[in-house]
C-alpha cells in the first residue's frame, strides 16, 4: 500500500464526513434547534 492509496482513502473519508455534517445540519429534525439558537442573541434577559 503506497502513499497515494492512503491519500485517496483519506480524501474519500474526509468527503464522506463533510457530507454527513452537511446532511446533519440541514436535516428537518435539527431545524427548530438551529432557529432557536439563531435567535439567542436577540432575547432580552
PDB file of N, CA and C in Angstrom:
ATOM      1  N   UNK A   1       0.857  -1.166   0.000  1.00  0.00           N
ATOM      2  CA  UNK A   1       0.000   0.000   0.000  1.00  0.00           C
ATOM      3  C   UNK A   1       0.906   1.233   0.000  1.00  0.00           C
ATOM      4  N   UNK A   2       0.797   2.010  -1.034  1.00  0.00           N
ATOM      5  CA  UNK A   2       1.665   3.179  -1.114  1.00  0.00           C
ATOM      6  C   UNK A   2       0.934   4.433  -0.629  1.00  0.00           C
ATOM      7  N   UNK A   3       1.630   5.531  -0.615  1.00  0.00           N
ATOM      8  CA  UNK A   3       1.111   6.776  -0.048  1.00  0.00           C
ATOM      9  C   UNK A   3      -0.077   7.315  -0.836  1.00  0.00           C
ATOM     10  N   UNK A   4      -0.118   7.082  -2.130  1.00  0.00           N
ATOM     11  CA  UNK A   4      -1.232   7.591  -2.940  1.00  0.00           C
ATOM     12  C   UNK A   4      -2.544   6.910  -2.594  1.00  0.00           C
ATOM     13  N   UNK A   5      -2.508   5.640  -2.258  1.00  0.00           N
ATOM     14  CA  UNK A   5      -3.715   4.936  -1.837  1.00  0.00           C
ATOM     15  C   UNK A   5      -4.189   5.505  -0.506  1.00  0.00           C
ATOM     16  N   UNK A   6      -3.263   5.762   0.407  1.00  0.00           N
ATOM     17  CA  UNK A   6      -3.633   6.335   1.700  1.00  0.00           C
ATOM     18  C   UNK A   6      -4.216   7.736   1.536  1.00  0.00           C
ATOM     19  N   UNK A   7      -3.657   8.509   0.635  1.00  0.00           N
ATOM     20  CA  UNK A   7      -4.194   9.845   0.378  1.00  0.00           C
ATOM     21  C   UNK A   7      -5.597   9.762  -0.217  1.00  0.00           C
ATOM     22  N   UNK A   8      -5.806   8.817  -1.102  1.00  0.00           N
ATOM     23  CA  UNK A   8      -7.131   8.638  -1.702  1.00  0.00           C
ATOM     24  C   UNK A   8      -8.155   8.233  -0.652  1.00  0.00           C
ATOM     25  N   UNK A   9      -7.781   7.321   0.212  1.00  0.00           N
ATOM     26  CA  UNK A   9      -8.684   6.876   1.275  1.00  0.00           C
ATOM     27  C   UNK A   9      -8.988   8.041   2.219  1.00  0.00           C
ATOM     28  N   UNK A  10      -7.995   8.814   2.574  1.00  0.00           N
ATOM     29  CA  UNK A  10      -8.200   9.959   3.463  1.00  0.00           C
ATOM     30  C   UNK A  10      -9.117  10.990   2.806  1.00  0.00           C
ATOM     31  N   UNK A  11      -8.963  11.196   1.511  1.00  0.00           N
ATOM     32  CA  UNK A  11      -9.819  12.138   0.801  1.00  0.00           C
ATOM     33  C   UNK A  11     -11.262  11.668   0.794  1.00  0.00           C
ATOM     34  N   UNK A  12     -11.493  10.405   0.526  1.00  0.00           N
ATOM     35  CA  UNK A  12     -12.857   9.855   0.495  1.00  0.00           C
ATOM     36  C   UNK A  12     -13.485   9.919   1.881  1.00  0.00           C
ATOM     37  N   UNK A  13     -12.737   9.570   2.902  1.00  0.00           N
ATOM     38  CA  UNK A  13     -13.259   9.623   4.272  1.00  0.00           C
ATOM     39  C   UNK A  13     -13.589  11.065   4.658  1.00  0.00           C
ATOM     40  N   UNK A  14     -12.731  11.998   4.307  1.00  0.00           N
ATOM     41  CA  UNK A  14     -12.985  13.408   4.607  1.00  0.00           C
ATOM     42  C   UNK A  14     -14.221  13.910   3.877  1.00  0.00           C
ATOM     43  N   UNK A  15     -14.380  13.529   2.626  1.00  0.00           N
ATOM     44  CA  UNK A  15     -15.549  13.948   1.855  1.00  0.00           C
ATOM     45  C   UNK A  15     -16.828  13.368   2.454  1.00  0.00           C
ATOM     46  N   UNK A  16     -16.815  12.111   2.834  1.00  0.00           N
ATOM     47  CA  UNK A  16     -17.993  11.496   3.439  1.00  0.00           C
ATOM     48  C   UNK A  16     -18.329  12.134   4.780  1.00  0.00           C
ATOM     49  N   UNK A  17     -17.314  12.510   5.540  1.00  0.00           N
ATOM     50  CA  UNK A  17     -17.539  13.206   6.799  1.00  0.00           C
ATOM     51  C   UNK A  17     -18.178  14.564   6.551  1.00  0.00           C
ATOM     52  N   UNK A  18     -17.683  15.272   5.554  1.00  0.00           N
ATOM     53  CA  UNK A  18     -18.254  16.567   5.193  1.00  0.00           C
ATOM     54  C   UNK A  18     -19.711  16.432   4.782  1.00  0.00           C
ATOM     55  N   UNK A  19     -20.019  15.457   3.944  1.00  0.00           N
ATOM     56  CA  UNK A  19     -21.393  15.232   3.506  1.00  0.00           C
ATOM     57  C   UNK A  19     -22.280  14.884   4.708  1.00  0.00           C
ATOM     58  N   UNK A  20     -21.767  14.097   5.629  1.00  0.00           N
ATOM     59  CA  UNK A  20     -22.527  13.751   6.829  1.00  0.00           C
ATOM     60  C   UNK A  20     -22.835  14.962   7.681  1.00  0.00           C
ATOM     61  N   UNK A  21     -21.881  15.865   7.837  1.00  0.00           N
ATOM     62  CA  UNK A  21     -22.099  17.073   8.627  1.00  0.00           C
ATOM     63  C   UNK A  21     -23.117  17.976   7.943  1.00  0.00           C
ATOM     64  N   UNK A  22     -23.025  18.114   6.629  1.00  0.00           N
ATOM     65  CA  UNK A  22     -23.993  18.938   5.892  1.00  0.00           C
ATOM     66  C   UNK A  22     -25.382  18.335   6.007  1.00  0.00           C
ATOM     67  N   UNK A  23     -25.497  17.035   5.876  1.00  0.00           N
ATOM     68  CA  UNK A  23     -26.801  16.360   5.996  1.00  0.00           C
ATOM     69  C   UNK A  23     -27.381  16.581   7.392  1.00  0.00           C
ATOM     70  N   UNK A  24     -26.542  16.457   8.425  1.00  0.00           N
ATOM     71  CA  UNK A  24     -26.986  16.646   9.802  1.00  0.00           C
ATOM     72  C   UNK A  24     -27.460  18.090  10.016  1.00  0.00           C
ATOM     73  N   UNK A  25     -26.710  19.049   9.490  1.00  0.00           N
ATOM     74  CA  UNK A  25     -27.031  20.459   9.710  1.00  0.00           C
ATOM     75  C   UNK A  25     -28.319  20.870   9.006  1.00  0.00           C
ATOM     76  N   UNK A  26     -28.602  20.295   7.860  1.00  0.00           N
ATOM     77  CA  UNK A  26     -29.781  20.688   7.101  1.00  0.00           C
ATOM     78  C   UNK A  26     -30.965  19.739   7.276  1.00  0.00           C
ATOM     79  N   UNK A  27     -30.868  18.782   8.191  1.00  0.00           N
ATOM     80  CA  UNK A  27     -31.988  17.867   8.388  1.00  0.00           C
ATOM     81  C   UNK A  27     -33.148  18.606   9.051  1.00  0.00           C
ATOM     82  N   UNK A  28     -34.332  18.175   8.769  1.00  0.00           N
ATOM     83  CA  UNK A  28     -35.520  18.859   9.280  1.00  0.00           C
ATOM     84  C   UNK A  28     -35.672  18.686  10.785  1.00  0.00           C
ATOM     85  N   UNK A  29     -35.127  17.637  11.350  1.00  0.00           N
ATOM     86  CA  UNK A  29     -35.220  17.437  12.794  1.00  0.00           C
ATOM     87  C   UNK A  29     -34.424  18.488  13.564  1.00  0.00           C
ATOM     88  N   UNK A  30     -33.348  18.989  12.977  1.00  0.00           N
ATOM     89  CA  UNK A  30     -32.491  19.959  13.646  1.00  0.00           C
ATOM     90  C   UNK A  30     -32.915  21.402  13.375  1.00  0.00           C
ATOM     91  N   UNK A  31     -33.848  21.601  12.491  1.00  0.00           N
ATOM     92  CA  UNK A  31     -34.235  22.945  12.077  1.00  0.00           C
ATOM     93  C   UNK A  31     -34.716  23.797  13.254  1.00  0.00           C
ATOM     94  N   UNK A  32     -35.568  23.249  14.099  1.00  0.00           N
ATOM     95  CA  UNK A  32     -36.087  24.029  15.221  1.00  0.00           C
ATOM     96  C   UNK A  32     -34.989  24.368  16.220  1.00  0.00           C
ATOM     97  N   UNK A  33     -34.074  23.451  16.458  1.00  0.00           N
ATOM     98  CA  UNK A  33     -32.956  23.724  17.368  1.00  0.00           C
ATOM     99  C   UNK A  33     -32.071  24.841  16.841  1.00  0.00           C
ATOM    100  N   UNK A  34     -31.784  24.821  15.555  1.00  0.00           N
ATOM    101  CA  UNK A  34     -30.915  25.832  14.971  1.00  0.00           C
ATOM    102  C   UNK A  34     -31.604  27.192  14.897  1.00  0.00           C
ATOM    103  N   UNK A  35     -32.894  27.220  14.608  1.00  0.00           N
ATOM    104  CA  UNK A  35     -33.577  28.515  14.563  1.00  0.00           C
ATOM    105  C   UNK A  35     -33.693  29.104  15.966  1.00  0.00           C
ATOM    106  N   UNK A  36     -33.858  28.262  16.970  1.00  0.00           N
ATOM    107  CA  UNK A  36     -33.866  28.743  18.350  1.00  0.00           C
ATOM    108  C   UNK A  36     -32.491  29.285  18.739  1.00  0.00           C
ATOM    109  N   UNK A  37     -31.446  28.602  18.369  1.00  0.00           N
ATOM    110  CA  UNK A  37     -30.090  29.063  18.673  1.00  0.00           C
ATOM    111  C   UNK A  37     -29.751  30.344  17.918  1.00  0.00           C
ATOM    112  N   UNK A  38     -30.299  30.511  16.727  1.00  0.00           N
ATOM    113  CA  UNK A  38     -30.030  31.716  15.945  1.00  0.00           C
ATOM    114  C   UNK A  38     -30.652  32.943  16.587  1.00  0.00           C
ATOM    115  N   UNK A  39     -31.723  32.772  17.329  1.00  0.00           N
ATOM    116  CA  UNK A  39     -32.404  33.903  17.955  1.00  0.00           C
ATOM    117  C   UNK A  39     -31.911  34.214  19.362  1.00  0.00           C
ATOM    118  N   UNK A  40     -30.983  33.436  19.886  1.00  0.00           N
ATOM    119  CA  UNK A  40     -30.480  33.663  21.244  1.00  0.00           C
ATOM    120  C   UNK A  40     -29.882  35.060  21.440  1.00  0.00           C
ATOM    121  N   UNK A  41     -29.116  35.615  20.515  1.00  0.00           N
ATOM    122  CA  UNK A  41     -28.554  36.954  20.760  1.00  0.00           C
ATOM    123  C   UNK A  41     -29.610  38.048  20.868  1.00  0.00           C
ATOM    124  N   UNK A  42     -30.807  37.816  20.361  1.00  0.00           N
ATOM    125  CA  UNK A  42     -31.838  38.848  20.334  1.00  0.00           C
ATOM    126  C   UNK A  42     -32.793  38.764  21.518  1.00  0.00           C
ATOM    127  N   UNK A  43     -32.657  37.761  22.353  1.00  0.00           N
ATOM    128  CA  UNK A  43     -33.547  37.614  23.504  1.00  0.00           C
ATOM    129  C   UNK A  43     -33.141  38.583  24.606  1.00  0.00           C
ATOM    130  N   UNK A  44     -34.153  39.110  25.285  1.00  0.00           N
ATOM    131  CA  UNK A  44     -33.924  40.019  26.405  1.00  0.00           C
ATOM    132  C   UNK A  44     -33.875  39.212  27.695  1.00  0.00           C
ATOM    133  N   UNK A  45     -33.013  39.618  28.595  1.00  0.00           N
ATOM    134  CA  UNK A  45     -32.937  38.944  29.892  1.00  0.00           C
ATOM    135  C   UNK A  45     -33.916  39.523  30.868  1.00  0.00           C
TER     136      UNK A  45
END
